C-alpha cells in the first residue's frame, strides 16, 4: 500500500508557530513539547488518515492528548495526500475554519 504524505498549508504553519511561541514564552521547553505532540499526531494521521471524525464537509479532526488543540485536515485519496489546514485551539470557534476549506 502506498503511503500518504502530508503538507501543512500556510495558515496551519502560522497557527503552529503562533502556538509554539506562546507556549515557549510561558515556560521554556513547553513549546518543544507542543511541537513533539503535533509531530506525533501528524504521523498518526499519516498512517490512518480516514480514521478520525469529520468536522464538516471533507475536513477531519484529530485532537491532541496533552494540549487543547485539534489538527484539521483533508484527505485526497487519489493522490495519497493530506492537507493540514489548521492546528486549531479547541476553544476557538470552528465556524471560522470554513473559509480555509
N, C-alpha and C. Protein backbone atom coordinates (compact mmCIF):
# COMPACT_ATOMS: atom_id res chain seq x y z
N UNK A 1 0.84 -1.19 0.00
CA UNK A 1 0.00 0.00 0.00
C UNK A 1 0.88 1.25 0.00
N UNK A 2 0.50 2.20 -0.80
CA UNK A 2 1.24 3.45 -0.91
C UNK A 2 1.01 4.31 0.34
N UNK A 3 2.05 5.02 0.77
CA UNK A 3 1.96 5.86 1.96
C UNK A 3 1.40 7.23 1.62
N UNK A 4 0.63 7.76 2.55
CA UNK A 4 0.14 9.13 2.42
C UNK A 4 1.26 10.10 2.82
N UNK A 5 1.27 11.24 2.18
CA UNK A 5 2.18 12.31 2.59
C UNK A 5 1.31 13.46 3.09
N UNK A 6 1.87 14.26 3.98
CA UNK A 6 1.10 15.41 4.44
C UNK A 6 1.89 16.68 4.18
N UNK A 7 1.12 17.74 4.01
CA UNK A 7 1.72 19.07 3.88
C UNK A 7 0.90 20.03 4.72
N UNK A 8 1.59 20.98 5.29
CA UNK A 8 0.93 22.00 6.09
C UNK A 8 0.66 23.23 5.23
N UNK A 9 -0.59 23.63 5.18
CA UNK A 9 -0.95 24.87 4.48
C UNK A 9 -0.35 26.04 5.26
N UNK A 10 -0.23 27.18 4.60
CA UNK A 10 0.35 28.36 5.25
C UNK A 10 -0.37 28.75 6.54
N UNK A 11 -1.70 28.69 6.53
CA UNK A 11 -2.46 29.02 7.75
C UNK A 11 -2.13 28.07 8.89
N UNK A 12 -1.96 26.79 8.58
CA UNK A 12 -1.62 25.81 9.61
C UNK A 12 -0.22 26.07 10.16
N UNK A 13 0.70 26.45 9.29
CA UNK A 13 2.05 26.79 9.74
C UNK A 13 1.98 28.00 10.68
N UNK A 14 1.20 29.00 10.29
CA UNK A 14 1.05 30.19 11.14
C UNK A 14 0.43 29.82 12.48
N UNK A 15 -0.60 28.96 12.46
CA UNK A 15 -1.22 28.50 13.71
C UNK A 15 -0.17 27.86 14.61
N UNK A 16 0.63 26.97 14.01
CA UNK A 16 1.63 26.23 14.77
C UNK A 16 2.67 27.17 15.38
N UNK A 17 3.23 28.06 14.56
CA UNK A 17 4.29 28.97 15.03
C UNK A 17 3.77 29.86 16.15
N UNK A 18 2.58 30.38 15.97
CA UNK A 18 1.98 31.24 16.99
C UNK A 18 1.79 30.48 18.32
N UNK A 19 1.31 29.27 18.23
CA UNK A 19 1.08 28.47 19.44
C UNK A 19 2.39 28.01 20.06
N UNK A 20 3.34 27.61 19.24
CA UNK A 20 4.66 27.23 19.74
C UNK A 20 5.28 28.39 20.52
N UNK A 21 5.27 29.58 19.92
CA UNK A 21 5.85 30.76 20.58
C UNK A 21 5.13 31.07 21.88
N UNK A 22 3.80 30.96 21.88
CA UNK A 22 3.02 31.22 23.10
C UNK A 22 3.46 30.28 24.21
N UNK A 23 3.53 28.98 23.92
CA UNK A 23 3.91 28.02 24.95
C UNK A 23 5.36 28.18 25.38
N UNK A 24 6.23 28.46 24.45
CA UNK A 24 7.64 28.61 24.79
C UNK A 24 7.85 29.86 25.65
N UNK A 25 7.07 30.92 25.38
CA UNK A 25 7.14 32.13 26.21
C UNK A 25 6.62 31.87 27.62
N UNK A 26 5.63 30.99 27.73
CA UNK A 26 5.06 30.68 29.05
C UNK A 26 6.05 29.89 29.91
N UNK A 27 6.72 28.92 29.28
CA UNK A 27 7.66 28.08 30.01
C UNK A 27 8.64 27.47 29.01
N UNK A 28 9.91 27.68 29.25
CA UNK A 28 10.92 27.14 28.34
C UNK A 28 10.78 25.62 28.24
N UNK A 29 10.71 25.13 27.03
CA UNK A 29 10.56 23.70 26.79
C UNK A 29 9.12 23.28 26.52
N UNK A 30 8.15 24.10 26.94
CA UNK A 30 6.75 23.75 26.72
C UNK A 30 6.40 23.81 25.24
N UNK A 31 6.97 24.77 24.53
CA UNK A 31 6.75 24.84 23.09
C UNK A 31 7.30 23.62 22.38
N UNK A 32 8.43 23.12 22.85
CA UNK A 32 9.04 21.93 22.26
C UNK A 32 8.13 20.72 22.51
N UNK A 33 7.56 20.63 23.70
CA UNK A 33 6.62 19.53 23.98
C UNK A 33 5.39 19.62 23.07
N UNK A 34 4.91 20.85 22.84
CA UNK A 34 3.79 21.07 21.92
C UNK A 34 4.18 20.59 20.52
N UNK A 35 5.35 20.99 20.06
CA UNK A 35 5.84 20.60 18.72
C UNK A 35 5.92 19.08 18.60
N UNK A 36 6.45 18.43 19.63
CA UNK A 36 6.58 16.97 19.60
C UNK A 36 5.22 16.29 19.52
N UNK A 37 4.24 16.82 20.26
CA UNK A 37 2.91 16.20 20.21
C UNK A 37 2.24 16.43 18.86
N UNK A 38 2.42 17.61 18.29
CA UNK A 38 1.87 17.86 16.95
C UNK A 38 2.49 16.88 15.96
N UNK A 39 3.80 16.74 16.00
CA UNK A 39 4.50 15.84 15.07
C UNK A 39 4.02 14.40 15.24
N UNK A 40 3.90 13.96 16.50
CA UNK A 40 3.43 12.60 16.77
C UNK A 40 2.04 12.37 16.19
N UNK A 41 1.17 13.35 16.36
CA UNK A 41 -0.20 13.22 15.85
C UNK A 41 -0.26 13.30 14.33
N UNK A 42 0.60 14.10 13.73
CA UNK A 42 0.67 14.12 12.26
C UNK A 42 1.09 12.76 11.72
N UNK A 43 1.99 12.10 12.41
CA UNK A 43 2.41 10.76 11.98
C UNK A 43 1.27 9.75 12.13
N UNK A 44 0.46 9.89 13.17
CA UNK A 44 -0.71 9.02 13.34
C UNK A 44 -1.70 9.26 12.20
N UNK A 45 -1.95 10.54 11.90
CA UNK A 45 -2.86 10.88 10.79
C UNK A 45 -2.32 10.32 9.49
N UNK A 46 -1.03 10.42 9.29
CA UNK A 46 -0.40 9.92 8.06
C UNK A 46 -0.63 8.41 7.90
N UNK A 47 -0.57 7.68 8.99
CA UNK A 47 -0.76 6.23 8.94
C UNK A 47 -2.24 5.84 8.81
N UNK A 48 -3.14 6.66 9.38
CA UNK A 48 -4.58 6.32 9.42
C UNK A 48 -5.42 7.55 9.10
N UNK A 49 -5.29 8.11 7.91
CA UNK A 49 -5.93 9.40 7.62
C UNK A 49 -7.46 9.40 7.64
N UNK A 50 -8.08 8.27 7.42
CA UNK A 50 -9.54 8.22 7.37
C UNK A 50 -10.17 7.77 8.69
N UNK A 51 -9.35 7.61 9.71
CA UNK A 51 -9.83 7.07 10.99
C UNK A 51 -10.49 8.11 11.89
N UNK A 52 -10.34 9.37 11.58
CA UNK A 52 -10.80 10.40 12.51
C UNK A 52 -12.05 11.08 12.00
N UNK A 53 -12.81 11.61 12.92
CA UNK A 53 -14.16 12.10 12.60
C UNK A 53 -14.13 13.33 11.69
N UNK A 54 -15.21 13.42 10.91
CA UNK A 54 -15.37 14.56 10.01
C UNK A 54 -15.92 15.73 10.82
N UNK A 55 -15.28 16.87 10.66
CA UNK A 55 -15.71 18.10 11.33
C UNK A 55 -16.82 18.74 10.52
N UNK A 56 -16.57 19.01 9.26
CA UNK A 56 -17.59 19.44 8.30
C UNK A 56 -17.03 19.27 6.89
N UNK A 57 -17.95 19.15 5.95
CA UNK A 57 -17.60 18.83 4.56
C UNK A 57 -16.64 17.65 4.55
N UNK A 58 -15.47 17.84 3.97
CA UNK A 58 -14.50 16.74 3.91
C UNK A 58 -13.33 16.95 4.88
N UNK A 59 -13.48 17.89 5.80
CA UNK A 59 -12.41 18.18 6.77
C UNK A 59 -12.56 17.27 7.99
N UNK A 60 -11.46 16.68 8.38
CA UNK A 60 -11.42 15.80 9.54
C UNK A 60 -10.63 16.46 10.66
N UNK A 61 -10.79 15.91 11.87
CA UNK A 61 -10.08 16.46 13.02
C UNK A 61 -9.47 15.34 13.85
N UNK A 62 -8.30 15.65 14.37
CA UNK A 62 -7.61 14.74 15.31
C UNK A 62 -7.20 15.60 16.49
N UNK A 63 -7.71 15.26 17.66
CA UNK A 63 -7.39 16.01 18.87
C UNK A 63 -6.06 15.59 19.45
N UNK A 64 -5.33 16.56 19.97
CA UNK A 64 -4.09 16.27 20.69
C UNK A 64 -4.47 15.79 22.09
N UNK A 65 -3.60 15.03 22.69
CA UNK A 65 -3.88 14.49 24.03
C UNK A 65 -3.50 15.45 25.15
N UNK A 66 -2.38 16.14 24.99
CA UNK A 66 -1.83 16.92 26.11
C UNK A 66 -2.02 18.42 25.97
N UNK A 67 -2.50 18.86 24.84
CA UNK A 67 -2.74 20.28 24.60
C UNK A 67 -4.15 20.43 24.02
N UNK A 68 -4.82 21.54 24.29
CA UNK A 68 -6.21 21.71 23.83
C UNK A 68 -6.28 22.15 22.36
N UNK A 69 -5.77 21.32 21.49
CA UNK A 69 -5.73 21.63 20.06
C UNK A 69 -6.24 20.46 19.24
N UNK A 70 -6.65 20.79 18.03
CA UNK A 70 -7.04 19.78 17.05
C UNK A 70 -6.28 20.06 15.76
N UNK A 71 -5.89 18.99 15.10
CA UNK A 71 -5.32 19.11 13.77
C UNK A 71 -6.47 18.91 12.80
N UNK A 72 -6.71 19.92 11.96
CA UNK A 72 -7.79 19.87 10.98
C UNK A 72 -7.16 19.64 9.61
N UNK A 73 -7.69 18.65 8.89
CA UNK A 73 -7.06 18.26 7.63
C UNK A 73 -8.07 17.68 6.66
N UNK A 74 -7.67 17.65 5.40
CA UNK A 74 -8.44 16.98 4.36
C UNK A 74 -7.57 15.89 3.74
N UNK A 75 -8.23 14.93 3.13
CA UNK A 75 -7.52 13.80 2.53
C UNK A 75 -7.90 13.70 1.05
N UNK A 76 -6.89 13.60 0.22
CA UNK A 76 -7.09 13.31 -1.20
C UNK A 76 -6.61 11.87 -1.41
N UNK A 77 -7.57 10.95 -1.44
CA UNK A 77 -7.22 9.53 -1.54
C UNK A 77 -6.58 9.17 -2.88
N UNK A 78 -6.95 9.88 -3.93
CA UNK A 78 -6.39 9.58 -5.25
C UNK A 78 -4.91 9.94 -5.32
N UNK A 79 -4.52 11.02 -4.66
CA UNK A 79 -3.13 11.47 -4.69
C UNK A 79 -2.33 11.03 -3.46
N UNK A 80 -3.00 10.36 -2.52
CA UNK A 80 -2.37 9.96 -1.26
C UNK A 80 -1.77 11.18 -0.54
N UNK A 81 -2.57 12.25 -0.50
CA UNK A 81 -2.12 13.49 0.14
C UNK A 81 -3.05 13.91 1.26
N UNK A 82 -2.45 14.44 2.29
CA UNK A 82 -3.17 15.01 3.43
C UNK A 82 -2.79 16.49 3.47
N UNK A 83 -3.79 17.35 3.45
CA UNK A 83 -3.55 18.79 3.55
C UNK A 83 -3.97 19.24 4.95
N UNK A 84 -3.01 19.64 5.75
CA UNK A 84 -3.31 20.14 7.09
C UNK A 84 -3.68 21.61 6.94
N UNK A 85 -4.93 21.93 7.28
CA UNK A 85 -5.41 23.29 7.07
C UNK A 85 -5.41 24.12 8.34
N UNK A 86 -5.30 23.46 9.50
CA UNK A 86 -5.29 24.22 10.76
C UNK A 86 -4.74 23.37 11.89
N UNK A 87 -4.10 24.06 12.81
CA UNK A 87 -3.76 23.50 14.11
C UNK A 87 -4.49 24.42 15.07
N UNK A 88 -5.67 23.98 15.45
CA UNK A 88 -6.73 24.83 15.98
C UNK A 88 -6.94 24.62 17.47
N UNK A 89 -6.92 25.71 18.22
CA UNK A 89 -7.23 25.63 19.65
C UNK A 89 -8.69 25.24 19.80
N UNK A 90 -8.96 24.30 20.68
CA UNK A 90 -10.32 23.75 20.79
C UNK A 90 -11.35 24.74 21.31
N UNK A 91 -10.92 25.85 21.88
CA UNK A 91 -11.89 26.85 22.35
C UNK A 91 -12.23 27.89 21.28
N UNK A 92 -11.50 27.86 20.17
CA UNK A 92 -11.82 28.78 19.08
C UNK A 92 -13.05 28.28 18.34
N UNK A 93 -13.78 29.20 17.78
CA UNK A 93 -15.00 28.87 17.05
C UNK A 93 -14.65 28.10 15.78
N UNK A 94 -15.12 26.86 15.63
CA UNK A 94 -14.79 26.09 14.43
C UNK A 94 -15.42 26.67 13.16
N UNK A 95 -16.44 27.50 13.29
CA UNK A 95 -17.03 28.12 12.10
C UNK A 95 -16.02 29.01 11.38
N UNK A 96 -15.03 29.52 12.10
CA UNK A 96 -14.00 30.35 11.49
C UNK A 96 -13.12 29.55 10.52
N UNK A 97 -13.16 28.25 10.63
CA UNK A 97 -12.35 27.39 9.75
C UNK A 97 -12.96 27.26 8.35
N UNK A 98 -14.23 27.53 8.23
CA UNK A 98 -14.92 27.28 6.95
C UNK A 98 -14.27 28.01 5.77
N UNK A 99 -13.72 29.16 6.04
CA UNK A 99 -13.08 29.91 4.94
C UNK A 99 -11.78 29.26 4.49
N UNK A 100 -11.22 28.36 5.28
CA UNK A 100 -9.97 27.70 4.91
C UNK A 100 -10.19 26.47 4.03
N UNK A 101 -11.40 26.00 3.98
CA UNK A 101 -11.65 24.75 3.22
C UNK A 101 -12.22 25.07 1.85
